[in-house]
Amino acid sequence: MTRWLESDEQRVWRAFLAATQRVQEELDRQLQRDSGMPHTYYVVLAMLSEAEGRTLRMSDLAGRVNSSQSRLSHAVARLEERGWVRRAQCPRDKRGNLAILTDAGFAALKAAAPGHVEAVRQVLFDPLTPEQVRLLGEICTAVRDS
């Protein structure tokens, strides 16, 4: 039996869809305009920058950026073309591949970060009260961990 959404759930669902789409579109627009990269590339560079040695197995990177391995592989290929990432074979597991953030990629990320952070503030955090920010964190964590 289908568990249809109640009217309040339907209202929240539609608001959630509209809000997440707006955040994604605004962040993508800002990064494309100011840094010439889509938000997806920024997230890949950011995850690599936070990793030890700026290096992650491709499978681990896919998990961190919430992407399929095939979609990630396409993005990493584009980042390789720009000289921002390089791939190498995993020395411990010859079947595994590593993604490595280059110095040029780190520089591109560093240049893009201030504008990106300001856009995140404007589109997500500035409209919220501190209590709403706390609740949003709890809600996102609960959904992510379910």
Protein backbone atom coordinates (compact mmCIF):
# COMPACT_ATOMS: atom_id res chain seq x y z
CA MET A 1 0.00 0.00 0.00
CA THR A 2 1.34 3.42 -0.96
CA ARG A 3 2.00 5.77 1.92
CA TRP A 4 1.03 9.06 0.27
CA LEU A 5 2.40 12.28 1.67
CA GLU A 6 0.20 14.22 4.05
CA SER A 7 -0.45 17.84 3.06
CA ASP A 8 2.17 19.18 5.50
CA GLU A 9 4.72 16.63 4.22
CA GLN A 10 3.94 17.57 0.62
CA ARG A 11 4.44 21.26 1.44
CA VAL A 12 7.78 20.54 3.17
CA TRP A 13 8.90 18.25 0.34
CA ARG A 14 8.25 20.89 -2.30
CA ALA A 15 9.94 23.59 -0.22
CA PHE A 16 12.94 21.29 0.25
CA LEU A 17 13.19 20.63 -3.50
CA ALA A 18 12.95 24.33 -4.33
CA ALA A 19 15.48 25.31 -1.66
CA THR A 20 18.08 22.70 -2.58
CA GLN A 21 17.72 23.49 -6.27
CA ARG A 22 18.16 27.21 -5.58
CA VAL A 23 21.28 26.61 -3.47
CA GLN A 24 22.84 24.35 -6.12
CA GLU A 25 22.02 26.71 -8.98
CA GLU A 26 23.32 29.80 -7.17
CA LEU A 27 26.58 28.10 -6.17
CA ASP A 28 27.10 26.72 -9.66
CA ARG A 29 26.35 30.11 -11.25
CA GLN A 30 28.78 31.93 -8.94
CA LEU A 31 31.60 29.45 -9.50
CA GLN A 32 31.11 29.40 -13.27
CA ARG A 33 31.03 33.21 -13.41
CA ASP A 34 33.94 33.91 -11.07
CA SER A 35 36.17 30.84 -11.45
CA GLY A 36 35.18 29.10 -14.66
CA MET A 37 34.34 25.83 -12.96
CA PRO A 38 31.12 24.04 -12.09
CA HIS A 39 30.27 23.38 -8.47
CA THR A 40 30.95 19.67 -8.99
CA TYR A 41 34.60 20.39 -9.83
CA TYR A 42 34.95 22.67 -6.82
CA VAL A 43 33.69 19.92 -4.50
CA VAL A 44 36.15 17.39 -5.97
CA LEU A 45 39.05 19.83 -5.52
CA ALA A 46 37.92 20.65 -1.96
CA MET A 47 37.70 16.99 -0.92
CA LEU A 48 41.16 16.31 -2.34
CA SER A 49 42.58 19.39 -0.60
CA GLU A 50 41.39 18.07 2.76
CA ALA A 51 42.81 14.58 2.25
CA GLU A 52 46.20 13.49 3.53
CA GLY A 53 48.75 14.23 0.80
CA ARG A 54 45.92 15.76 -1.24
CA THR A 55 45.29 12.21 -2.48
CA LEU A 56 42.29 9.86 -2.36
CA ARG A 57 41.37 6.56 -3.93
CA MET A 58 38.82 7.24 -6.65
CA SER A 59 36.27 5.05 -4.85
CA ASP A 60 36.73 7.02 -1.61
CA LEU A 61 36.52 10.31 -3.47
CA ALA A 62 33.26 9.19 -5.11
CA GLY A 63 31.82 8.55 -1.66
CA ARG A 64 32.92 11.92 -0.33
CA VAL A 65 31.41 13.84 -3.23
CA ASN A 66 28.25 11.67 -3.34
CA SER A 67 28.86 10.61 -6.92
CA SER A 68 28.88 7.44 -8.93
CA GLN A 69 32.34 6.26 -9.92
CA SER A 70 31.57 6.75 -13.62
CA ARG A 71 30.38 10.34 -13.12
CA LEU A 72 33.39 11.07 -10.92
CA SER A 73 35.74 9.57 -13.50
CA HIS A 74 34.33 11.95 -16.11
CA ALA A 75 34.80 14.95 -13.80
CA VAL A 76 38.35 13.91 -12.90
CA ALA A 77 39.16 13.55 -16.62
CA ARG A 78 38.09 17.19 -17.13
CA LEU A 79 40.13 18.25 -14.11
CA GLU A 80 43.14 16.38 -15.52
CA GLU A 81 42.76 18.31 -18.79
CA ARG A 82 43.04 21.54 -16.81
CA GLY A 83 46.09 20.23 -14.95
CA TRP A 84 44.30 20.44 -11.60
CA VAL A 85 44.24 16.72 -10.81
CA ARG A 86 46.33 13.77 -11.89
CA ARG A 87 45.63 10.07 -11.56
CA ALA A 88 48.04 7.37 -10.46
CA GLN A 89 47.80 3.68 -9.82
CA CYS A 90 47.42 2.77 -6.15
CA PRO A 91 50.74 1.29 -5.02
CA ARG A 92 49.06 -1.14 -2.55
CA ASP A 93 46.29 -2.29 -4.88
CA LYS A 94 47.10 -2.32 -8.58
CA ARG A 95 43.37 -2.32 -9.43
CA GLY A 96 42.77 0.92 -7.55
CA ASN A 97 43.38 4.42 -8.88
CA LEU A 98 44.28 7.53 -6.96
CA ALA A 99 43.21 11.10 -7.63
CA ILE A 100 45.89 13.61 -6.67
CA LEU A 101 45.34 17.36 -6.39
CA THR A 102 48.13 19.21 -8.20
CA ASP A 103 49.63 22.51 -7.09
CA ALA A 104 47.74 24.18 -9.96
CA GLY A 105 44.50 22.59 -8.75
CA PHE A 106 45.13 23.76 -5.21
CA ALA A 107 45.81 27.28 -6.52
CA ALA A 108 42.54 27.21 -8.51
CA LEU A 109 40.65 26.06 -5.42
CA LYS A 110 42.30 28.70 -3.25
CA ALA A 111 41.37 31.42 -5.75
CA ALA A 112 37.75 30.20 -5.98
CA ALA A 113 37.18 29.66 -2.25
CA PRO A 114 36.48 33.23 -1.06
CA GLY A 115 33.74 33.83 -3.62
CA HIS A 116 32.27 30.39 -3.04
CA VAL A 117 32.15 30.84 0.74
CA GLU A 118 30.49 34.23 0.33
CA ALA A 119 27.89 32.69 -1.99
CA VAL A 120 27.21 29.90 0.53
CA ARG A 121 26.71 32.52 3.23
CA GLN A 122 24.37 34.61 1.08
CA VAL A 123 22.20 31.82 -0.28
CA LEU A 124 22.04 29.50 2.73
CA PHE A 125 23.12 30.98 6.05
CA ASP A 126 22.24 34.68 5.89
CA PRO A 127 18.47 34.05 5.61
CA LEU A 128 18.52 31.81 8.72
CA THR A 129 18.64 32.51 12.42
CA PRO A 130 21.33 30.75 14.50
CA GLU A 131 18.64 28.38 15.81
CA GLN A 132 17.54 27.55 12.25
CA VAL A 133 21.16 26.85 11.29
CA ARG A 134 21.45 24.43 14.22
CA LEU A 135 18.18 22.71 13.28
CA LEU A 136 19.17 22.50 9.62
CA GLY A 137 22.39 20.79 10.66
CA GLU A 138 20.47 18.26 12.73
CA ILE A 139 17.98 17.61 9.95
CA CYS A 140 20.66 17.19 7.27
CA THR A 141 22.64 14.85 9.50
CA ALA A 142 19.57 12.73 10.25
CA VAL A 143 18.69 12.43 6.55
CA ARG A 144 22.30 11.71 5.56
CA ASP A 145 22.73 9.04 8.21
CA SER A 146 19.42 7.25 7.61
